[in-house]
PDB file of N, CA and C in Angstrom:
ATOM      1  N   UNK A   1     -29.127  -3.621  -4.628  1.00  0.00           N
ATOM      2  CA  UNK A   1     -28.739  -2.918  -3.563  1.00  0.00           C
ATOM      3  C   UNK A   1     -27.373  -2.670  -3.792  1.00  0.00           C
ATOM      4  N   UNK A   2     -26.836  -1.981  -3.210  1.00  0.00           N
ATOM      5  CA  UNK A   2     -25.645  -0.818  -3.313  1.00  0.00           C
ATOM      6  C   UNK A   2     -24.716  -1.916  -2.878  1.00  0.00           C
ATOM      7  N   UNK A   3     -23.793  -1.802  -3.035  1.00  0.00           N
ATOM      8  CA  UNK A   3     -22.615  -2.125  -3.044  1.00  0.00           C
ATOM      9  C   UNK A   3     -22.006  -1.734  -1.264  1.00  0.00           C
ATOM     10  N   UNK A   4     -21.842  -2.745  -0.283  1.00  0.00           N
ATOM     11  CA  UNK A   4     -21.152  -1.888   0.701  1.00  0.00           C
ATOM     12  C   UNK A   4     -19.380  -1.504   0.659  1.00  0.00           C
ATOM     13  N   UNK A   5     -18.912  -1.821  -0.083  1.00  0.00           N
ATOM     14  CA  UNK A   5     -17.371  -1.331   0.110  1.00  0.00           C
ATOM     15  C   UNK A   5     -16.586  -1.185   0.567  1.00  0.00           C
ATOM     16  N   UNK A   6     -16.548  -0.035   1.298  1.00  0.00           N
ATOM     17  CA  UNK A   6     -15.043   0.726   2.086  1.00  0.00           C
ATOM     18  C   UNK A   6     -16.382   0.798   3.088  1.00  0.00           C
ATOM     19  N   UNK A   7     -17.553   0.986   3.016  1.00  0.00           N
ATOM     20  CA  UNK A   7     -18.285   1.403   4.094  1.00  0.00           C
ATOM     21  C   UNK A   7     -18.192   1.061   5.600  1.00  0.00           C
ATOM     22  N   UNK A   8     -17.631   1.678   6.137  1.00  0.00           N
ATOM     23  CA  UNK A   8     -17.675   1.176   7.650  1.00  0.00           C
ATOM     24  C   UNK A   8     -19.191   1.168   8.597  1.00  0.00           C
ATOM     25  N   UNK A   9     -19.984   0.889   8.272  1.00  0.00           N
ATOM     26  CA  UNK A   9     -21.308   0.945   8.780  1.00  0.00           C
ATOM     27  C   UNK A   9     -21.844  -0.452   8.891  1.00  0.00           C
ATOM     28  N   UNK A  10     -22.048  -1.314   9.498  1.00  0.00           N
ATOM     29  CA  UNK A  10     -22.426  -2.320   9.484  1.00  0.00           C
ATOM     30  C   UNK A  10     -23.718  -2.402   8.980  1.00  0.00           C
ATOM     31  N   UNK A  11     -23.816  -3.705   8.141  1.00  0.00           N
ATOM     32  CA  UNK A  11     -25.243  -3.835   7.601  1.00  0.00           C
ATOM     33  C   UNK A  11     -25.534  -4.646   8.338  1.00  0.00           C
ATOM     34  N   UNK A  12     -27.437  -4.188   8.132  1.00  0.00           N
ATOM     35  CA  UNK A  12     -28.629  -4.044   8.761  1.00  0.00           C
ATOM     36  C   UNK A  12     -29.006  -5.726   8.457  1.00  0.00           C
ATOM     37  N   UNK A  13     -28.586  -6.855   9.792  1.00  0.00           N
ATOM     38  CA  UNK A  13     -28.973  -7.969   9.216  1.00  0.00           C
ATOM     39  C   UNK A  13     -30.303  -8.260   8.744  1.00  0.00           C
ATOM     40  N   UNK A  14     -31.576  -7.508   8.775  1.00  0.00           N
ATOM     41  CA  UNK A  14     -32.656  -7.516   8.587  1.00  0.00           C
ATOM     42  C   UNK A  14     -33.089  -7.018   6.644  1.00  0.00           C
ATOM     43  N   UNK A  15     -32.337  -6.446   6.791  1.00  0.00           N
ATOM     44  CA  UNK A  15     -32.233  -6.243   4.806  1.00  0.00           C
ATOM     45  C   UNK A  15     -32.164  -6.959   3.907  1.00  0.00           C
ATOM     46  N   UNK A  16     -33.368  -7.330   3.190  1.00  0.00           N
ATOM     47  CA  UNK A  16     -33.099  -8.778   1.918  1.00  0.00           C
ATOM     48  C   UNK A  16     -33.411  -8.204   1.267  1.00  0.00           C
ATOM     49  N   UNK A  17     -32.301  -8.968   0.053  1.00  0.00           N
ATOM     50  CA  UNK A  17     -32.153  -8.580  -1.086  1.00  0.00           C
ATOM     51  C   UNK A  17     -32.961 -10.270  -1.729  1.00  0.00           C
ATOM     52  N   UNK A  18     -34.107  -9.694  -3.013  1.00  0.00           N
ATOM     53  CA  UNK A  18     -34.390 -10.861  -3.611  1.00  0.00           C
ATOM     54  C   UNK A  18     -33.118 -11.550  -4.384  1.00  0.00           C
ATOM     55  N   UNK A  19     -33.198 -12.683  -4.307  1.00  0.00           N
ATOM     56  CA  UNK A  19     -32.173 -13.515  -5.780  1.00  0.00           C
ATOM     57  C   UNK A  19     -32.747 -14.927  -5.669  1.00  0.00           C
ATOM     58  N   UNK A  20     -32.421 -15.101  -7.090  1.00  0.00           N
ATOM     59  CA  UNK A  20     -32.771 -16.521  -7.529  1.00  0.00           C
ATOM     60  C   UNK A  20     -31.635 -17.500  -8.158  1.00  0.00           C
ATOM     61  N   UNK A  21     -31.196 -17.777  -6.680  1.00  0.00           N
ATOM     62  CA  UNK A  21     -30.026 -18.834  -6.762  1.00  0.00           C
ATOM     63  C   UNK A  21     -30.589 -20.458  -6.178  1.00  0.00           C
ATOM     64  N   UNK A  22     -30.176 -21.316  -7.026  1.00  0.00           N
ATOM     65  CA  UNK A  22     -29.956 -23.133  -7.318  1.00  0.00           C
ATOM     66  C   UNK A  22     -28.376 -22.775  -6.210  1.00  0.00           C
ATOM     67  N   UNK A  23     -28.785 -23.704  -5.042  1.00  0.00           N
ATOM     68  CA  UNK A  23     -27.816 -24.099  -4.282  1.00  0.00           C
ATOM     69  C   UNK A  23     -27.884 -25.384  -3.471  1.00  0.00           C
ATOM     70  N   UNK A  24     -27.539 -25.789  -3.036  1.00  0.00           N
ATOM     71  CA  UNK A  24     -27.511 -27.406  -2.039  1.00  0.00           C
ATOM     72  C   UNK A  24     -27.292 -27.224  -0.655  1.00  0.00           C
ATOM     73  N   UNK A  25     -28.565 -27.358   0.311  1.00  0.00           N
ATOM     74  CA  UNK A  25     -28.167 -27.870   1.436  1.00  0.00           C
ATOM     75  C   UNK A  25     -28.332 -29.309   2.025  1.00  0.00           C
ATOM     76  N   UNK A  26     -27.824 -29.617   2.903  1.00  0.00           N
ATOM     77  CA  UNK A  26     -28.066 -30.573   4.211  1.00  0.00           C
ATOM     78  C   UNK A  26     -28.105 -31.144   5.258  1.00  0.00           C
ATOM     79  N   UNK A  27     -29.188 -31.343   5.818  1.00  0.00           N
ATOM     80  CA  UNK A  27     -29.830 -31.435   7.643  1.00  0.00           C
ATOM     81  C   UNK A  27     -28.780 -32.525   7.729  1.00  0.00           C
ATOM     82  N   UNK A  28     -27.918 -32.964   8.418  1.00  0.00           N
ATOM     83  CA  UNK A  28     -27.705 -33.992   9.659  1.00  0.00           C
ATOM     84  C   UNK A  28     -26.517 -34.581   8.400  1.00  0.00           C
ATOM     85  N   UNK A  29     -26.859 -35.982   8.901  1.00  0.00           N
ATOM     86  CA  UNK A  29     -26.435 -37.179   7.967  1.00  0.00           C
ATOM     87  C   UNK A  29     -27.075 -37.614   6.042  1.00  0.00           C
ATOM     88  N   UNK A  30     -28.510 -36.964   6.295  1.00  0.00           N
ATOM     89  CA  UNK A  30     -28.963 -36.181   4.449  1.00  0.00           C
ATOM     90  C   UNK A  30     -28.129 -36.186   3.699  1.00  0.00           C
ATOM     91  N   UNK A  31     -28.825 -36.861   2.635  1.00  0.00           N
ATOM     92  CA  UNK A  31     -27.815 -36.426   1.128  1.00  0.00           C
ATOM     93  C   UNK A  31     -28.007 -34.786   0.749  1.00  0.00           C
ATOM     94  N   UNK A  32     -27.071 -34.400   0.356  1.00  0.00           N
ATOM     95  CA  UNK A  32     -26.966 -33.289  -0.606  1.00  0.00           C
ATOM     96  C   UNK A  32     -28.268 -33.447  -1.532  1.00  0.00           C
ATOM     97  N   UNK A  33     -29.154 -31.804  -1.030  1.00  0.00           N
ATOM     98  CA  UNK A  33     -30.423 -31.501  -2.104  1.00  0.00           C
ATOM     99  C   UNK A  33     -30.236 -30.336  -2.545  1.00  0.00           C
ATOM    100  N   UNK A  34     -30.531 -30.042  -3.635  1.00  0.00           N
ATOM    101  CA  UNK A  34     -30.643 -28.540  -4.110  1.00  0.00           C
ATOM    102  C   UNK A  34     -31.439 -27.928  -3.858  1.00  0.00           C
ATOM    103  N   UNK A  35     -31.363 -26.284  -3.506  1.00  0.00           N
ATOM    104  CA  UNK A  35     -33.391 -25.722  -3.757  1.00  0.00           C
ATOM    105  C   UNK A  35     -32.620 -24.394  -4.102  1.00  0.00           C
ATOM    106  N   UNK A  36     -33.921 -23.770  -4.470  1.00  0.00           N
ATOM    107  CA  UNK A  36     -33.725 -22.312  -4.752  1.00  0.00           C
ATOM    108  C   UNK A  36     -33.723 -21.259  -3.330  1.00  0.00           C
ATOM    109  N   UNK A  37     -33.156 -20.406  -3.261  1.00  0.00           N
ATOM    110  CA  UNK A  37     -32.701 -19.318  -2.617  1.00  0.00           C
ATOM    111  C   UNK A  37     -33.577 -18.365  -3.225  1.00  0.00           C
ATOM    112  N   UNK A  38     -35.149 -17.757  -2.133  1.00  0.00           N
ATOM    113  CA  UNK A  38     -35.694 -16.326  -2.625  1.00  0.00           C
ATOM    114  C   UNK A  38     -35.301 -14.978  -2.372  1.00  0.00           C
ATOM    115  N   UNK A  39     -34.879 -15.131  -1.118  1.00  0.00           N
ATOM    116  CA  UNK A  39     -34.366 -14.238  -0.992  1.00  0.00           C
ATOM    117  C   UNK A  39     -33.176 -14.812   0.464  1.00  0.00           C
ATOM    118  N   UNK A  40     -31.920 -13.266   0.192  1.00  0.00           N
ATOM    119  CA  UNK A  40     -31.174 -13.271   1.151  1.00  0.00           C
ATOM    120  C   UNK A  40     -30.546 -12.283   2.425  1.00  0.00           C
ATOM    121  N   UNK A  41     -30.405 -12.012   3.318  1.00  0.00           N
ATOM    122  CA  UNK A  41     -29.943 -10.895   4.203  1.00  0.00           C
ATOM    123  C   UNK A  41     -29.099 -11.547   5.152  1.00  0.00           C
ATOM    124  N   UNK A  42     -27.785 -11.088   5.518  1.00  0.00           N
ATOM    125  CA  UNK A  42     -26.772 -11.348   5.660  1.00  0.00           C
ATOM    126  C   UNK A  42     -27.205 -11.837   7.086  1.00  0.00           C
ATOM    127  N   UNK A  43     -28.381 -11.786   7.841  1.00  0.00           N
ATOM    128  CA  UNK A  43     -28.330 -13.024   8.830  1.00  0.00           C
ATOM    129  C   UNK A  43     -29.881 -13.991   8.964  1.00  0.00           C
ATOM    130  N   UNK A  44     -29.725 -14.245   7.197  1.00  0.00           N
ATOM    131  CA  UNK A  44     -30.647 -15.090   7.606  1.00  0.00           C
ATOM    132  C   UNK A  44     -31.214 -15.351   5.514  1.00  0.00           C
ATOM    133  N   UNK A  45     -31.875 -16.496   5.036  1.00  0.00           N
ATOM    134  CA  UNK A  45     -32.099 -16.258   3.765  1.00  0.00           C
ATOM    135  C   UNK A  45     -33.924 -17.431   3.849  1.00  0.00           C
ATOM    136  N   UNK A  46     -34.382 -17.185   2.658  1.00  0.00           N
ATOM    137  CA  UNK A  46     -35.584 -17.914   2.519  1.00  0.00           C
ATOM    138  C   UNK A  46     -35.414 -18.463   1.686  1.00  0.00           C
ATOM    139  N   UNK A  47     -35.886 -20.323   1.400  1.00  0.00           N
ATOM    140  CA  UNK A  47     -35.595 -20.667   1.010  1.00  0.00           C
ATOM    141  C   UNK A  47     -36.392 -21.640   0.688  1.00  0.00           C
ATOM    142  N   UNK A  48     -37.385 -22.752  -0.827  1.00  0.00           N
ATOM    143  CA  UNK A  48     -38.418 -23.525  -0.965  1.00  0.00           C
ATOM    144  C   UNK A  48     -38.381 -24.827  -0.035  1.00  0.00           C
ATOM    145  N   UNK A  49     -38.954 -24.904   0.329  1.00  0.00           N
ATOM    146  CA  UNK A  49     -39.280 -25.973   1.423  1.00  0.00           C
ATOM    147  C   UNK A  49     -38.877 -27.519   0.696  1.00  0.00           C
ATOM    148  N   UNK A  50     -38.233 -28.904   1.797  1.00  0.00           N
ATOM    149  CA  UNK A  50     -37.942 -30.093   1.420  1.00  0.00           C
ATOM    150  C   UNK A  50     -38.428 -31.130   1.972  1.00  0.00           C
ATOM    151  N   UNK A  51     -38.997 -31.710   1.359  1.00  0.00           N
ATOM    152  CA  UNK A  51     -39.439 -32.962   2.438  1.00  0.00           C
ATOM    153  C   UNK A  51     -38.614 -33.259   3.496  1.00  0.00           C
ATOM    154  N   UNK A  52     -38.721 -33.862   4.465  1.00  0.00           N
ATOM    155  CA  UNK A  52     -37.255 -33.930   5.826  1.00  0.00           C
ATOM    156  C   UNK A  52     -36.744 -33.319   6.505  1.00  0.00           C
ATOM    157  N   UNK A  53     -36.918 -31.442   5.904  1.00  0.00           N
ATOM    158  CA  UNK A  53     -36.828 -31.109   6.885  1.00  0.00           C
ATOM    159  C   UNK A  53     -37.001 -30.451   8.234  1.00  0.00           C
ATOM    160  N   UNK A  54     -36.346 -30.705   9.219  1.00  0.00           N
ATOM    161  CA  UNK A  54     -37.072 -30.162  10.732  1.00  0.00           C
ATOM    162  C   UNK A  54     -36.868 -28.412  10.873  1.00  0.00           C
ATOM    163  N   UNK A  55     -38.128 -27.981  11.520  1.00  0.00           N
ATOM    164  CA  UNK A  55     -37.356 -26.676  11.754  1.00  0.00           C
ATOM    165  C   UNK A  55     -36.562 -26.390  13.714  1.00  0.00           C
ATOM    166  N   UNK A  56     -36.302 -25.590  13.901  1.00  0.00           N
ATOM    167  CA  UNK A  56     -34.883 -25.360  14.587  1.00  0.00           C
ATOM    168  C   UNK A  56     -33.629 -26.555  14.944  1.00  0.00           C
ATOM    169  N   UNK A  57     -33.494 -27.004  13.378  1.00  0.00           N
ATOM    170  CA  UNK A  57     -31.691 -28.124  13.404  1.00  0.00           C
ATOM    171  C   UNK A  57     -31.709 -27.248  12.567  1.00  0.00           C
ATOM    172  N   UNK A  58     -30.088 -27.234  12.845  1.00  0.00           N
ATOM    173  CA  UNK A  58     -29.211 -26.907  12.151  1.00  0.00           C
ATOM    174  C   UNK A  58     -29.008 -27.058  10.692  1.00  0.00           C
ATOM    175  N   UNK A  59     -28.593 -26.920   9.744  1.00  0.00           N
ATOM    176  CA  UNK A  59     -28.774 -27.393   8.125  1.00  0.00           C
ATOM    177  C   UNK A  59     -26.814 -26.607   8.223  1.00  0.00           C
ATOM    178  N   UNK A  60     -26.388 -27.133   6.556  1.00  0.00           N
ATOM    179  CA  UNK A  60     -25.408 -26.246   5.830  1.00  0.00           C
ATOM    180  C   UNK A  60     -25.641 -26.401   4.184  1.00  0.00           C
ATOM    181  N   UNK A  61     -25.227 -24.882   4.388  1.00  0.00           N
ATOM    182  CA  UNK A  61     -25.620 -24.318   2.676  1.00  0.00           C
ATOM    183  C   UNK A  61     -24.630 -24.688   2.076  1.00  0.00           C
ATOM    184  N   UNK A  62     -24.734 -24.967   0.956  1.00  0.00           N
ATOM    185  CA  UNK A  62     -23.076 -25.002   0.058  1.00  0.00           C
ATOM    186  C   UNK A  62     -23.711 -24.250  -1.213  1.00  0.00           C
ATOM    187  N   UNK A  63     -22.791 -23.049  -1.649  1.00  0.00           N
ATOM    188  CA  UNK A  63     -22.994 -22.172  -2.299  1.00  0.00           C
ATOM    189  C   UNK A  63     -22.198 -22.203  -3.625  1.00  0.00           C
ATOM    190  N   UNK A  64     -22.077 -22.192  -5.070  1.00  0.00           N
ATOM    191  CA  UNK A  64     -20.457 -22.627  -5.643  1.00  0.00           C
ATOM    192  C   UNK A  64     -19.876 -21.047  -5.346  1.00  0.00           C
ATOM    193  N   UNK A  65     -18.606 -21.491  -5.517  1.00  0.00           N
ATOM    194  CA  UNK A  65     -17.337 -20.405  -4.668  1.00  0.00           C
ATOM    195  C   UNK A  65     -16.713 -19.814  -3.493  1.00  0.00           C
ATOM    196  N   UNK A  66     -18.288 -20.568  -2.959  1.00  0.00           N
ATOM    197  CA  UNK A  66     -18.178 -19.929  -0.809  1.00  0.00           C
ATOM    198  C   UNK A  66     -17.701 -21.192  -0.102  1.00  0.00           C
ATOM    199  N   UNK A  67     -17.187 -20.969   1.244  1.00  0.00           N
ATOM    200  CA  UNK A  67     -17.071 -22.124   1.689  1.00  0.00           C
ATOM    201  C   UNK A  67     -18.788 -22.663   2.589  1.00  0.00           C
ATOM    202  N   UNK A  68     -18.662 -23.670   3.281  1.00  0.00           N
ATOM    203  CA  UNK A  68     -20.068 -24.198   3.519  1.00  0.00           C
ATOM    204  C   UNK A  68     -20.480 -23.284   4.452  1.00  0.00           C
ATOM    205  N   UNK A  69     -21.503 -22.887   5.377  1.00  0.00           N
ATOM    206  CA  UNK A  69     -22.181 -22.004   5.787  1.00  0.00           C
ATOM    207  C   UNK A  69     -23.177 -22.749   6.810  1.00  0.00           C
ATOM    208  N   UNK A  70     -23.241 -22.495   7.990  1.00  0.00           N
ATOM    209  CA  UNK A  70     -24.033 -23.143   8.873  1.00  0.00           C
ATOM    210  C   UNK A  70     -25.153 -22.370   8.376  1.00  0.00           C
ATOM    211  N   UNK A  71     -26.321 -22.673   9.177  1.00  0.00           N
ATOM    212  CA  UNK A  71     -27.703 -21.962   9.423  1.00  0.00           C
ATOM    213  C   UNK A  71     -28.712 -23.378  10.190  1.00  0.00           C
ATOM    214  N   UNK A  72     -29.495 -22.236  10.960  1.00  0.00           N
ATOM    215  CA  UNK A  72     -30.543 -23.103  11.525  1.00  0.00           C
ATOM    216  C   UNK A  72     -32.221 -22.471  11.060  1.00  0.00           C
ATOM    217  N   UNK A  73     -33.285 -23.892  10.744  1.00  0.00           N
ATOM    218  CA  UNK A  73     -34.367 -23.370  10.117  1.00  0.00           C
ATOM    219  C   UNK A  73     -35.125 -22.641  11.490  1.00  0.00           C
ATOM    220  N   UNK A  74     -35.600 -21.832  11.134  1.00  0.00           N
ATOM    221  CA  UNK A  74     -36.166 -20.789  12.862  1.00  0.00           C
ATOM    222  C   UNK A  74     -38.298 -21.059  11.998  1.00  0.00           C
ATOM    223  N   UNK A  75     -38.387 -21.199  10.578  1.00  0.00           N
ATOM    224  CA  UNK A  75     -39.802 -20.590  10.568  1.00  0.00           C
ATOM    225  C   UNK A  75     -40.188 -21.607   9.031  1.00  0.00           C
ATOM    226  N   UNK A  76     -41.352 -22.241   9.171  1.00  0.00           N
ATOM    227  CA  UNK A  76     -42.087 -22.755   7.759  1.00  0.00           C
ATOM    228  C   UNK A  76     -43.284 -22.171   7.365  1.00  0.00           C
ATOM    229  N   UNK A  77     -43.474 -21.703   6.559  1.00  0.00           N
ATOM    230  CA  UNK A  77     -44.745 -21.233   5.921  1.00  0.00           C
ATOM    231  C   UNK A  77     -45.054 -21.938   5.002  1.00  0.00           C
ATOM    232  N   UNK A  78     -45.428 -22.888   4.576  1.00  0.00           N
ATOM    233  CA  UNK A  78     -46.526 -23.371   3.902  1.00  0.00           C
ATOM    234  C   UNK A  78     -44.825 -24.239   2.769  1.00  0.00           C
ATOM    235  N   UNK A  79     -45.301 -23.681   1.593  1.00  0.00           N
ATOM    236  CA  UNK A  79     -43.685 -24.038   0.585  1.00  0.00           C
ATOM    237  C   UNK A  79     -42.658 -23.191   1.390  1.00  0.00           C
ATOM    238  N   UNK A  80     -42.314 -22.504   1.873  1.00  0.00           N
ATOM    239  CA  UNK A  80     -41.094 -21.670   2.226  1.00  0.00           C
ATOM    240  C   UNK A  80     -40.741 -21.687   3.151  1.00  0.00           C
ATOM    241  N   UNK A  81     -39.585 -21.606   3.662  1.00  0.00           N
ATOM    242  CA  UNK A  81     -38.594 -21.734   5.564  1.00  0.00           C
ATOM    243  C   UNK A  81     -38.016 -20.993   5.341  1.00  0.00           C
ATOM    244  N   UNK A  82     -37.429 -20.648   6.730  1.00  0.00           N
ATOM    245  CA  UNK A  82     -37.051 -18.766   6.728  1.00  0.00           C
ATOM    246  C   UNK A  82     -35.538 -19.321   7.767  1.00  0.00           C
ATOM    247  N   UNK A  83     -34.697 -19.292   7.522  1.00  0.00           N
ATOM    248  CA  UNK A  83     -33.387 -19.825   7.853  1.00  0.00           C
ATOM    249  C   UNK A  83     -32.362 -18.763   8.055  1.00  0.00           C
ATOM    250  N   UNK A  84     -31.374 -19.241   9.740  1.00  0.00           N
ATOM    251  CA  UNK A  84     -30.443 -17.955  10.329  1.00  0.00           C
ATOM    252  C   UNK A  84     -29.029 -18.380   9.937  1.00  0.00           C
ATOM    253  N   UNK A  85     -28.247 -17.698   9.678  1.00  0.00           N
ATOM    254  CA  UNK A  85     -27.644 -18.342   9.544  1.00  0.00           C
ATOM    255  C   UNK A  85     -26.541 -18.018  10.884  1.00  0.00           C
ATOM    256  N   UNK A  86     -25.709 -19.320  11.277  1.00  0.00           N
ATOM    257  CA  UNK A  86     -25.403 -18.791  12.607  1.00  0.00           C
ATOM    258  C   UNK A  86     -24.303 -18.038  13.158  1.00  0.00           C
ATOM    259  N   UNK A  87     -23.643 -17.414  11.988  1.00  0.00           N
ATOM    260  CA  UNK A  87     -23.546 -16.128  11.917  1.00  0.00           C
ATOM    261  C   UNK A  87     -23.626 -14.883  10.711  1.00  0.00           C
ATOM    262  N   UNK A  88     -23.006 -13.965  10.877  1.00  0.00           N
ATOM    263  CA  UNK A  88     -24.248 -12.661   9.816  1.00  0.00           C
ATOM    264  C   UNK A  88     -22.872 -12.853   8.746  1.00  0.00           C
ATOM    265  N   UNK A  89     -23.435 -12.501   7.384  1.00  0.00           N
ATOM    266  CA  UNK A  89     -22.519 -13.404   6.655  1.00  0.00           C
ATOM    267  C   UNK A  89     -21.616 -11.631   6.665  1.00  0.00           C
ATOM    268  N   UNK A  90     -20.458 -11.510   6.209  1.00  0.00           N
ATOM    269  CA  UNK A  90     -19.853 -10.643   6.241  1.00  0.00           C
ATOM    270  C   UNK A  90     -20.360  -9.914   4.766  1.00  0.00           C
ATOM    271  N   UNK A  91     -19.988  -8.091   5.255  1.00  0.00           N
ATOM    272  CA  UNK A  91     -20.980  -7.453   3.988  1.00  0.00           C
ATOM    273  C   UNK A  91     -20.589  -7.834   2.671  1.00  0.00           C
ATOM    274  N   UNK A  92     -18.689  -8.241   2.154  1.00  0.00           N
ATOM    275  CA  UNK A  92     -18.206  -8.342   0.937  1.00  0.00           C
ATOM    276  C   UNK A  92     -19.315  -9.587   0.500  1.00  0.00           C
ATOM    277  N   UNK A  93     -19.194 -10.421   1.840  1.00  0.00           N
ATOM    278  CA  UNK A  93     -19.541 -11.779   0.851  1.00  0.00           C
ATOM    279  C   UNK A  93     -20.592 -11.547   0.576  1.00  0.00           C
ATOM    280  N   UNK A  94     -22.252 -11.334   1.787  1.00  0.00           N
ATOM    281  CA  UNK A  94     -23.263 -11.237   1.014  1.00  0.00           C
ATOM    282  C   UNK A  94     -23.534 -10.268  -0.413  1.00  0.00           C
ATOM    283  N   UNK A  95     -22.392  -9.043  -0.204  1.00  0.00           N
ATOM    284  CA  UNK A  95     -22.748  -8.836  -2.077  1.00  0.00           C
ATOM    285  C   UNK A  95     -22.265  -9.920  -3.270  1.00  0.00           C
ATOM    286  N   UNK A  96     -21.541 -10.516  -2.830  1.00  0.00           N
ATOM    287  CA  UNK A  96     -20.685 -11.527  -3.745  1.00  0.00           C
ATOM    288  C   UNK A  96     -21.915 -12.302  -4.170  1.00  0.00           C
ATOM    289  N   UNK A  97     -22.611 -12.543  -3.044  1.00  0.00           N
ATOM    290  CA  UNK A  97     -23.794 -13.490  -3.446  1.00  0.00           C
ATOM    291  C   UNK A  97     -24.812 -12.677  -4.082  1.00  0.00           C
ATOM    292  N   UNK A  98     -25.544 -11.630  -3.726  1.00  0.00           N
ATOM    293  CA  UNK A  98     -26.325 -10.812  -4.401  1.00  0.00           C
ATOM    294  C   UNK A  98     -26.360 -10.186  -5.961  1.00  0.00           C
ATOM    295  N   UNK A  99     -24.961 -10.558  -6.148  1.00  0.00           N
ATOM    296  CA  UNK A  99     -24.312  -9.697  -7.211  1.00  0.00           C
ATOM    297  C   UNK A  99     -24.158 -10.545  -8.203  1.00  0.00           C
ATOM    298  N   UNK A 100     -23.705 -12.538  -8.009  1.00  0.00           N
ATOM    299  CA  UNK A 100     -23.915 -13.798  -8.642  1.00  0.00           C
ATOM    300  C   UNK A 100     -24.778 -13.387  -9.003  1.00  0.00           C
ATOM    301  N   UNK A 101     -26.188 -14.061  -8.095  1.00  0.00           N
ATOM    302  CA  UNK A 101     -27.245 -14.061  -8.640  1.00  0.00           C
ATOM    303  C   UNK A 101     -27.682 -13.332  -9.581  1.00  0.00           C
ATOM    304  N   UNK A 102     -27.840 -11.814  -9.566  1.00  0.00           N
ATOM    305  CA  UNK A 102     -28.225 -10.829 -10.451  1.00  0.00           C
ATOM    306  C   UNK A 102     -27.900 -11.368 -11.761  1.00  0.00           C
ATOM    307  N   UNK A 103     -26.236 -11.269 -11.606  1.00  0.00           N
ATOM    308  CA  UNK A 103     -25.777 -12.189 -13.248  1.00  0.00           C
ATOM    309  C   UNK A 103     -26.517 -13.073 -13.825  1.00  0.00           C
ATOM    310  N   UNK A 104     -27.006 -14.244 -12.806  1.00  0.00           N
ATOM    311  CA  UNK A 104     -27.175 -15.581 -13.188  1.00  0.00           C
ATOM    312  C   UNK A 104     -28.247 -15.651 -13.930  1.00  0.00           C
ATOM    313  N   UNK A 105     -29.314 -14.528 -12.862  1.00  0.00           N
ATOM    314  CA  UNK A 105     -30.832 -14.177 -13.428  1.00  0.00           C
ATOM    315  C   UNK A 105     -30.989 -13.590 -14.452  1.00  0.00           C
TER     316      UNK A 105
END
């Protein structure tokens, strides 16, 4: 995936980048749990399902080096969950996440 750099064109929030990234999520007052993200876009991400999560409820995602990001679970399909960020990721943040995942993977 090419970095956005100084590109003034907005990023399509539906463009998904494959990632293998372990991060923490929390829904409500439940404890933080480690999950693996499978893909990410500026508009959302797909992760592995965890027991106790509820669709159409907000959650927080914690990725190393970044502030907490709020998202909502929009769908579940077997072992996978699709989440939408409350606000699309800023393009350099999206690029950073993809780059870090590629370096770690």
